[in-house]
Amino acid sequence: MESGPSEEADRTLEHDKDATLSNDQKTLERSIDILSKVTFIGFLCVIPLGLWMRKTMVRAYSMQYSLLQASLEMQRGLTYKTTNDLDRIVAAFGSLRKQISGYEGDLKEVRRCLNHDAELTALRNKLNDSEQKRKSEIKTLQDQIDRYKGSIRKLIEEYDKKKAEAELLAKRRATTPSPKPTTPILGGGFDAYIKLLKINLQQDLSENHDKHEN
C-alpha cells in the first residue's frame, strides 16, 4: 500500500520534468529560429551595406589616386620649371662671372690710374714745395737786394756829400793860396772803395741769381 503512492509521485515528478524539458526545448528552438531569422535578415542587410561601403571606399581611393596623380604631375611640372630656373641661374652666374672678369680689368685700370694720380699728386706736392722754397728764396734775395739798395743809397749820399765838401774846399783853396800843398780829403782811396763795393754787390747779386735758377 505504501509503494503505490510513492511510485505515482515519482511518475508525476518525472512527468513534470519531461514537461519542463519539453517547454525549455521548445523555447530554445524558438529562440534559435528567431536568432537565425534575425541573422539571415541582418546578413541580407549587411551585404548591400558592405557593397556600398566597398564602392564608397573604391571611389575615395580613386579620388585619392587622382589627387596623387595630379600632385605628381604638378611636382613634375615644378621640377621642370625648377630645372629651367636652375639653367637660367647658371647662365646668369656665367654672365655675372664674365662681367666680374671685366670689372676686374676695369679695377686694375682704375688702380693703375690711381697710382698715376698718386704719383701726380706727389709730383704736384713736390712742385708746390719747390715753388714755396723758391718764393722764400726770392723773398730772401729781395730783402737782401733792398738792404743792398739802402746801403748803396747811403754810400752814394755820403759820397755826394763828401764830394761836395771836397769841391767846396778845393774852391776855397783855389781862392786862398796856402804855403804848403795838401792832399785832398777825398782821394783815390774812397773812390776805389766805392768801386770795390759795387763789384762785390754785383758778384753777390749774380751768385744769388745763379742759386735761384738752379
Protein backbone atom coordinates (compact mmCIF):
# COMPACT_ATOMS: atom_id res chain seq x y z
CA MET A 1 0.00 0.00 0.00
CA GLU A 2 2.83 2.37 0.74
CA SER A 3 4.64 1.67 -2.51
CA GLY A 4 1.71 2.70 -4.68
CA PRO A 5 1.57 6.43 -3.80
CA SER A 6 5.31 6.72 -3.96
CA GLU A 7 5.50 5.41 -7.47
CA GLU A 8 2.72 7.69 -8.51
CA ALA A 9 4.53 10.65 -7.08
CA ASP A 10 7.67 9.65 -8.92
CA ARG A 11 5.79 9.38 -12.16
CA THR A 12 4.22 12.77 -11.56
CA LEU A 13 7.65 14.27 -10.88
CA GLU A 14 9.13 12.70 -13.97
CA HIS A 15 6.18 13.91 -15.99
CA ASP A 16 6.72 17.43 -14.68
CA LYS A 17 10.40 17.18 -15.51
CA ASP A 18 9.64 15.99 -19.01
CA ALA A 19 7.12 18.78 -19.43
CA THR A 20 9.65 21.33 -18.21
CA LEU A 21 12.35 19.96 -20.50
CA SER A 22 9.93 19.96 -23.39
CA ASN A 23 8.99 23.57 -22.73
CA ASP A 24 12.65 24.59 -22.42
CA GLN A 25 13.47 22.76 -25.63
CA LYS A 26 10.65 24.45 -27.43
CA THR A 27 11.72 27.83 -26.07
CA LEU A 28 15.30 27.17 -27.15
CA GLU A 29 14.21 26.06 -30.57
CA ARG A 30 12.05 29.13 -30.90
CA SER A 31 14.93 31.37 -29.83
CA ILE A 32 17.29 29.66 -32.26
CA ASP A 33 14.75 30.06 -35.03
CA ILE A 34 14.30 33.75 -34.24
CA LEU A 35 18.05 34.26 -33.99
CA SER A 36 18.63 32.52 -37.29
CA LYS A 37 15.97 34.61 -38.96
CA VAL A 38 17.41 37.80 -37.47
CA THR A 39 20.89 36.72 -38.51
CA PHE A 40 19.71 35.97 -42.03
CA ILE A 41 17.90 39.29 -42.26
CA GLY A 42 20.95 41.09 -40.84
CA PHE A 43 23.20 39.25 -43.29
CA LEU A 44 20.89 40.30 -46.10
CA CYS A 45 21.10 43.91 -44.85
CA VAL A 46 24.86 43.80 -44.26
CA ILE A 47 25.72 42.60 -47.77
CA PRO A 48 24.35 45.73 -49.57
CA LEU A 49 25.83 47.90 -46.85
CA GLY A 50 29.20 46.23 -47.32
CA LEU A 51 28.94 46.58 -51.08
CA TRP A 52 28.02 50.26 -50.69
CA MET A 53 30.89 50.81 -48.28
CA ARG A 54 33.23 48.97 -50.65
CA LYS A 55 32.03 51.12 -53.55
CA THR A 56 32.44 54.27 -51.44
CA MET A 57 35.95 53.23 -50.42
CA VAL A 58 36.82 52.48 -54.03
CA ARG A 59 35.60 55.94 -55.00
CA ALA A 60 37.60 57.52 -52.17
CA TYR A 61 40.71 55.56 -53.18
CA SER A 62 40.11 56.56 -56.79
CA MET A 63 39.83 60.22 -55.80
CA GLN A 64 42.99 59.93 -53.69
CA TYR A 65 44.76 58.28 -56.63
CA SER A 66 43.59 61.09 -58.92
CA LEU A 67 44.76 63.68 -56.42
CA LEU A 68 48.10 61.93 -56.04
CA GLN A 69 48.47 61.72 -59.81
CA ALA A 70 47.63 65.44 -60.16
CA SER A 71 50.09 66.23 -57.37
CA LEU A 72 52.76 64.17 -59.13
CA GLU A 73 52.06 65.99 -62.39
CA MET A 74 52.31 69.29 -60.54
CA GLN A 75 55.54 68.19 -58.89
CA ARG A 76 56.87 67.10 -62.29
CA GLY A 77 55.96 70.50 -63.74
CA LEU A 78 57.58 72.23 -60.79
CA THR A 79 60.65 70.03 -61.27
CA TYR A 80 60.84 71.01 -64.94
CA LYS A 81 60.34 74.65 -64.01
CA THR A 82 62.97 74.39 -61.27
CA THR A 83 65.36 72.77 -63.74
CA ASN A 84 64.76 75.57 -66.23
CA ASP A 85 65.19 78.13 -63.47
CA LEU A 86 68.43 76.47 -62.42
CA ASP A 87 69.65 76.54 -66.02
CA ARG A 88 68.81 80.24 -66.24
CA ILE A 89 70.51 80.85 -62.88
CA VAL A 90 73.63 79.01 -64.06
CA ALA A 91 73.62 81.06 -67.27
CA ALA A 92 73.15 84.24 -65.22
CA PHE A 93 76.06 83.25 -62.99
CA GLY A 94 78.19 82.68 -66.08
CA SER A 95 77.25 86.13 -67.35
CA LEU A 96 78.00 87.60 -63.93
CA ARG A 97 81.35 85.83 -63.91
CA LYS A 98 82.18 87.40 -67.27
CA GLN A 99 81.06 90.81 -66.01
CA ILE A 100 83.15 90.35 -62.86
CA SER A 101 86.14 89.47 -65.02
CA GLY A 102 85.54 92.67 -66.99
CA TYR A 103 85.17 94.60 -63.75
CA GLU A 104 88.46 93.14 -62.53
CA GLY A 105 90.14 94.52 -65.64
CA ASP A 106 88.47 97.87 -65.05
CA LEU A 107 89.57 97.79 -61.41
CA LYS A 108 93.15 97.10 -62.48
CA GLU A 109 92.94 100.08 -64.85
CA VAL A 110 91.42 102.23 -62.12
CA ARG A 111 94.11 101.08 -59.69
CA ARG A 112 96.77 101.94 -62.25
CA CYS A 113 95.17 105.35 -62.79
CA LEU A 114 95.02 105.86 -59.03
CA ASN A 115 98.70 105.02 -58.81
CA HIS A 116 99.35 107.58 -61.56
CA ASP A 117 97.18 110.04 -59.66
CA ALA A 118 99.20 109.35 -56.51
CA GLU A 119 102.42 109.92 -58.45
CA LEU A 120 100.99 113.10 -59.95
CA THR A 121 99.88 114.24 -56.51
CA ALA A 122 103.36 113.56 -55.13
CA LEU A 123 104.92 115.48 -58.04
CA ARG A 124 102.42 118.29 -57.54
CA ASN A 125 103.25 118.44 -53.85
CA LYS A 126 106.94 118.39 -54.67
CA LEU A 127 106.48 121.20 -57.19
CA ASN A 128 104.45 123.15 -54.65
CA ASP A 129 107.19 122.66 -52.07
CA SER A 130 109.82 123.72 -54.62
CA GLU A 131 107.71 126.72 -55.56
CA GLN A 132 107.29 127.70 -51.93
CA LYS A 133 111.01 127.23 -51.40
CA ARG A 134 111.82 129.35 -54.47
CA LYS A 135 109.37 132.00 -53.32
CA SER A 136 111.08 132.02 -49.94
CA GLU A 137 114.49 132.27 -51.64
CA ILE A 138 113.22 135.06 -53.90
CA LYS A 139 111.86 136.91 -50.88
CA THR A 140 115.20 136.47 -49.11
CA LEU A 141 117.04 137.73 -52.19
CA GLN A 142 114.63 140.63 -52.49
CA ASP A 143 115.25 141.54 -48.86
CA GLN A 144 119.00 141.33 -49.47
CA ILE A 145 118.64 143.49 -52.60
CA ASP A 146 116.60 146.01 -50.64
CA ARG A 147 119.26 146.08 -47.93
CA TYR A 148 121.99 146.45 -50.57
CA LYS A 149 120.00 149.22 -52.23
CA GLY A 150 119.68 151.02 -48.90
CA SER A 151 123.40 150.63 -48.24
CA ILE A 152 124.29 151.81 -51.76
CA ARG A 153 121.93 154.75 -51.39
CA LYS A 154 123.56 155.74 -48.12
CA LEU A 155 127.02 155.34 -49.64
CA ILE A 156 126.04 157.42 -52.67
CA GLU A 157 124.58 160.12 -50.41
CA GLU A 158 127.72 160.07 -48.30
CA TYR A 159 129.87 160.11 -51.45
CA ASP A 160 127.93 163.08 -52.86
CA LYS A 161 128.21 164.86 -49.55
CA LYS A 162 131.96 164.27 -49.31
CA LYS A 163 132.40 165.22 -52.96
CA ALA A 164 130.52 168.49 -52.43
CA GLU A 165 132.61 169.22 -49.38
CA ALA A 166 135.79 168.44 -51.36
CA GLU A 167 134.72 170.69 -54.24
CA LEU A 168 133.90 173.49 -51.81
CA LEU A 169 137.23 173.03 -50.08
CA ALA A 170 139.03 173.00 -53.43
CA LYS A 171 137.36 176.26 -54.42
CA ARG A 172 138.39 177.84 -51.14
CA ARG A 173 141.93 176.68 -51.55
CA ALA A 174 141.96 177.96 -55.12
CA THR A 175 140.98 181.41 -53.92
CA THR A 176 143.22 181.26 -50.84
CA PRO A 177 146.80 180.11 -51.59
CA SER A 178 148.45 178.08 -48.89
CA PRO A 179 152.19 177.84 -48.25
CA LYS A 180 152.07 174.00 -48.18
CA PRO A 181 150.45 171.68 -50.63
CA THR A 182 147.80 169.47 -49.03
CA THR A 183 146.24 166.17 -50.07
CA PRO A 184 142.53 166.32 -50.84
CA ILE A 185 140.25 164.76 -48.30
CA LEU A 186 138.72 162.57 -50.94
CA GLY A 187 141.46 160.85 -52.78
CA GLY A 188 141.64 157.76 -54.90
CA GLY A 189 141.20 155.53 -51.84
CA PHE A 190 137.50 156.31 -51.28
CA ASP A 191 136.63 156.07 -54.99
CA ALA A 192 138.38 152.73 -55.16
CA TYR A 193 136.40 151.61 -52.09
CA ILE A 194 133.11 152.58 -53.77
CA LYS A 195 134.07 150.75 -56.97
CA LEU A 196 135.10 147.67 -54.99
CA LEU A 197 131.81 147.78 -53.08
CA LYS A 198 129.86 147.93 -56.35
CA ILE A 199 131.84 145.00 -57.77
CA ASN A 200 131.19 142.90 -54.64
CA LEU A 201 127.50 143.81 -54.78
CA GLN A 202 127.25 142.74 -58.42
CA GLN A 203 129.02 139.46 -57.64
CA ASP A 204 126.63 138.75 -54.74
CA LEU A 205 123.63 139.51 -56.93
CA SER A 206 124.90 137.26 -59.72
CA GLU A 207 125.60 134.40 -57.29
CA ASN A 208 122.14 134.69 -55.74
CA HIS A 209 120.61 134.78 -59.20
CA ASP A 210 122.50 131.60 -60.16
CA LYS A 211 121.34 129.87 -56.99
CA HIS A 212 117.77 130.86 -57.73
CA GLU A 213 117.97 129.45 -61.25
CA ASN A 214 119.46 126.18 -60.01
